[in-house]
C-alpha atoms as a PDB file:
ATOM      1  CA  MET A   1      11.239 115.595 -40.543  1.00  0.00           C
ATOM      2  CA  ALA A   2      12.190 115.052 -36.940  1.00  0.00           C
ATOM      3  CA  GLY A   3      14.953 112.619 -36.151  1.00  0.00           C
ATOM      4  CA  TYR A   4      15.293 110.135 -33.328  1.00  0.00           C
ATOM      5  CA  LYS A   5      15.788 111.772 -29.960  1.00  0.00           C
ATOM      6  CA  GLU A   6      18.074 109.850 -27.624  1.00  0.00           C
ATOM      7  CA  PRO A   7      16.401 109.580 -24.191  1.00  0.00           C
ATOM      8  CA  GLY A   8      18.468 111.324 -21.588  1.00  0.00           C
ATOM      9  CA  LEU A   9      19.225 110.238 -18.051  1.00  0.00           C
ATOM     10  CA  GLY A  10      16.158 111.990 -16.663  1.00  0.00           C
ATOM     11  CA  ASP A  11      13.880 110.339 -19.214  1.00  0.00           C
ATOM     12  CA  ARG A  12      15.256 106.888 -18.423  1.00  0.00           C
ATOM     13  CA  ARG A  13      14.926 107.485 -14.670  1.00  0.00           C
ATOM     14  CA  ASN A  14      11.323 108.634 -15.047  1.00  0.00           C
ATOM     15  CA  ALA A  15      10.449 105.643 -17.232  1.00  0.00           C
ATOM     16  CA  SER A  16      12.066 103.302 -14.721  1.00  0.00           C
ATOM     17  CA  ALA A  17      10.205 104.886 -11.803  1.00  0.00           C
ATOM     18  CA  GLU A  18       6.886 104.643 -13.657  1.00  0.00           C
ATOM     19  CA  ALA A  19       7.497 100.986 -14.524  1.00  0.00           C
ATOM     20  CA  ARG A  20       8.466 100.212 -10.925  1.00  0.00           C
ATOM     21  CA  ALA A  21       5.349 101.955  -9.584  1.00  0.00           C
ATOM     22  CA  LYS A  22       3.147 100.084 -12.057  1.00  0.00           C
ATOM     23  CA  ALA A  23       4.717  96.743 -11.060  1.00  0.00           C
ATOM     24  CA  ILE A  24       4.233  97.481  -7.354  1.00  0.00           C
ATOM     25  CA  GLU A  25       0.590  98.395  -7.926  1.00  0.00           C
ATOM     26  CA  ALA A  26       0.059  95.158  -9.837  1.00  0.00           C
ATOM     27  CA  LEU A  27       1.602  93.136  -7.001  1.00  0.00           C
ATOM     28  CA  LYS A  28      -0.499  94.919  -4.387  1.00  0.00           C
ATOM     29  CA  ALA A  29      -3.659  94.288  -6.391  1.00  0.00           C
ATOM     30  CA  LYS A  30      -2.760  90.633  -6.777  1.00  0.00           C
ATOM     31  CA  ALA A  31      -2.069  90.291  -3.044  1.00  0.00           C
ATOM     32  CA  LYS A  32      -5.431  91.843  -2.135  1.00  0.00           C
ATOM     33  CA  ALA A  33      -7.405  89.687  -4.567  1.00  0.00           C
ATOM     34  CA  PRO A  34      -9.403  86.955  -2.824  1.00  0.00           C
ATOM     35  CA  VAL A  35      -8.225  83.414  -3.446  1.00  0.00           C
ATOM     36  CA  ASP A  36     -10.817  80.979  -4.720  1.00  0.00           C
ATOM     37  CA  PRO A  37     -11.154  78.065  -2.255  1.00  0.00           C
ATOM     38  CA  ALA A  38     -11.134  75.567  -5.112  1.00  0.00           C
ATOM     39  CA  VAL A  39      -7.876  76.986  -6.435  1.00  0.00           C
ATOM     40  CA  LEU A  40      -6.403  76.983  -2.946  1.00  0.00           C
ATOM     41  CA  ALA A  41      -7.446  73.366  -2.396  1.00  0.00           C
ATOM     42  CA  GLU A  42      -5.929  72.399  -5.738  1.00  0.00           C
ATOM     43  CA  ARG A  43      -2.657  74.118  -4.840  1.00  0.00           C
ATOM     44  CA  ILE A  44      -2.542  72.338  -1.498  1.00  0.00           C
ATOM     45  CA  ALA A  45      -3.281  68.993  -3.143  1.00  0.00           C
ATOM     46  CA  ARG A  46      -0.541  69.563  -5.723  1.00  0.00           C
ATOM     47  CA  ALA A  47       1.940  70.531  -3.012  1.00  0.00           C
ATOM     48  CA  GLU A  48       1.101  67.432  -0.972  1.00  0.00           C
ATOM     49  CA  ALA A  49       1.381  65.195  -4.026  1.00  0.00           C
ATOM     50  CA  LYS A  50       4.731  66.732  -4.893  1.00  0.00           C
ATOM     51  CA  GLU A  51       5.993  66.294  -1.339  1.00  0.00           C
ATOM     52  CA  LYS A  52       4.804  62.681  -1.276  1.00  0.00           C
ATOM     53  CA  ALA A  53       6.491  61.950  -4.607  1.00  0.00           C
ATOM     54  CA  GLU A  54       9.746  63.501  -3.408  1.00  0.00           C
ATOM     55  CA  ALA A  55       9.626  61.502  -0.169  1.00  0.00           C
ATOM     56  CA  GLU A  56       9.022  58.303  -2.134  1.00  0.00           C
ATOM     57  CA  LYS A  57      11.887  59.150  -4.461  1.00  0.00           C
ATOM     58  CA  ARG A  58      14.213  59.748  -1.501  1.00  0.00           C
ATOM     59  CA  ALA A  59      13.110  56.465   0.105  1.00  0.00           C
ATOM     60  CA  VAL A  60      13.737  54.528  -3.102  1.00  0.00           C
ATOM     61  CA  ALA A  61      17.165  56.108  -3.472  1.00  0.00           C
ATOM     62  CA  GLN A  62      18.011  55.292   0.161  1.00  0.00           C
ATOM     63  CA  ARG A  63      16.908  51.670  -0.263  1.00  0.00           C
ATOM     64  CA  ARG A  64      18.942  51.387  -3.454  1.00  0.00           C
ATOM     65  CA  ARG A  65      22.044  52.769  -1.712  1.00  0.00           C
ATOM     66  CA  GLU A  66      21.589  50.341   1.188  1.00  0.00           C
ATOM     67  CA  GLU A  67      21.145  47.409  -1.188  1.00  0.00           C
ATOM     68  CA  GLU A  68      24.247  48.400  -3.133  1.00  0.00           C
ATOM     69  CA  LYS A  69      26.218  48.715   0.095  1.00  0.00           C
ATOM     70  CA  ALA A  70      25.044  45.294   1.279  1.00  0.00           C
ATOM     71  CA  GLU A  71      25.858  43.765  -2.097  1.00  0.00           C
ATOM     72  CA  LYS A  72      29.352  45.270  -2.050  1.00  0.00           C
ATOM     73  CA  ALA A  73      29.902  43.947   1.472  1.00  0.00           C
ATOM     74  CA  ARG A  74      28.684  40.503   0.430  1.00  0.00           C
ATOM     75  CA  ILE A  75      30.976  40.448  -2.596  1.00  0.00           C
ATOM     76  CA  ALA A  76      33.936  41.613  -0.526  1.00  0.00           C
ATOM     77  CA  ALA A  77      33.209  38.925   2.075  1.00  0.00           C
ATOM     78  CA  GLU A  78      33.016  36.248  -0.598  1.00  0.00           C
ATOM     79  CA  LYS A  79      36.311  37.389  -2.060  1.00  0.00           C
ATOM     80  CA  ALA A  80      37.980  37.280   1.328  1.00  0.00           C
ATOM     81  CA  ASN A  81      36.328  33.945   2.236  1.00  0.00           C
ATOM     82  CA  VAL A  82      35.123  35.523   5.430  1.00  0.00           C
ATOM     83  CA  PRO A  83      31.856  34.297   6.867  1.00  0.00           C
ATOM     84  CA  PRO A  84      29.121  36.914   6.736  1.00  0.00           C
ATOM     85  CA  PRO A  85      28.538  38.893   9.902  1.00  0.00           C
ATOM     86  CA  PRO A  86      25.939  37.456  12.250  1.00  0.00           C
ATOM     87  CA  SER A  87      22.402  38.660  11.835  1.00  0.00           C
ATOM     88  CA  GLN A  88      20.708  40.868  14.387  1.00  0.00           C
ATOM     89  CA  GLU A  89      18.744  37.886  15.716  1.00  0.00           C
ATOM     90  CA  GLU A  90      21.954  35.924  16.286  1.00  0.00           C
ATOM     91  CA  LEU A  91      23.537  38.875  18.077  1.00  0.00           C
ATOM     92  CA  ASP A  92      20.459  39.254  20.259  1.00  0.00           C
ATOM     93  CA  ALA A  93      20.543  35.540  21.103  1.00  0.00           C
ATOM     94  CA  GLN A  94      24.228  35.758  22.078  1.00  0.00           C
ATOM     95  CA  ARG A  95      23.586  38.781  24.279  1.00  0.00           C
ATOM     96  CA  LYS A  96      20.655  37.023  25.933  1.00  0.00           C
ATOM     97  CA  ALA A  97      22.752  33.920  26.596  1.00  0.00           C
ATOM     98  CA  LEU A  98      25.505  36.022  28.205  1.00  0.00           C
ATOM     99  CA  ARG A  99      22.972  37.914  30.298  1.00  0.00           C
ATOM    100  CA  ASP A 100      21.322  34.676  31.430  1.00  0.00           C
ATOM    101  CA  ALA A 101      24.720  33.209  32.340  1.00  0.00           C
ATOM    102  CA  ARG A 102      25.572  36.259  34.461  1.00  0.00           C
ATOM    103  CA  TYR A 103      22.181  36.077  36.115  1.00  0.00           C
ATOM    104  CA  ALA A 104      22.613  32.376  36.894  1.00  0.00           C
ATOM    105  CA  ALA A 105      26.107  32.990  38.300  1.00  0.00           C
ATOM    106  CA  ARG A 106      24.809  35.786  40.508  1.00  0.00           C
ATOM    107  CA  LYS A 107      21.987  33.573  41.805  1.00  0.00           C
ATOM    108  CA  ALA A 108      24.459  30.741  42.447  1.00  0.00           C
ATOM    109  CA  ARG A 109      26.682  33.043  44.516  1.00  0.00           C
ATOM    110  CA  LYS A 110      23.745  34.095  46.677  1.00  0.00           C
ATOM    111  CA  LYS A 111      22.831  30.502  47.619  1.00  0.00           C
END
């Protein structure tokens, strides 16, 4: 009755080299295999859907952060009894009024 023979270093190296060669051959065969257009289209569609979902998720998270920031600012303003900052339309109107005043002053100087 023969007992178990411990594989030596050479045996393990040969087994490893054979396994590596077999894996490389499998990868080469897979790379050379033609891709079915339907499968390719499905992969592209899945990738686009995933990208769209991730973009939507990022947009929702950004909106939520902005809303939280605005809410915190509003609460802080209420606590400090400070009037809220002017809106963009109000700022634009103030800038326009200043610009018009400068324009009118310049025209008045020329007369």
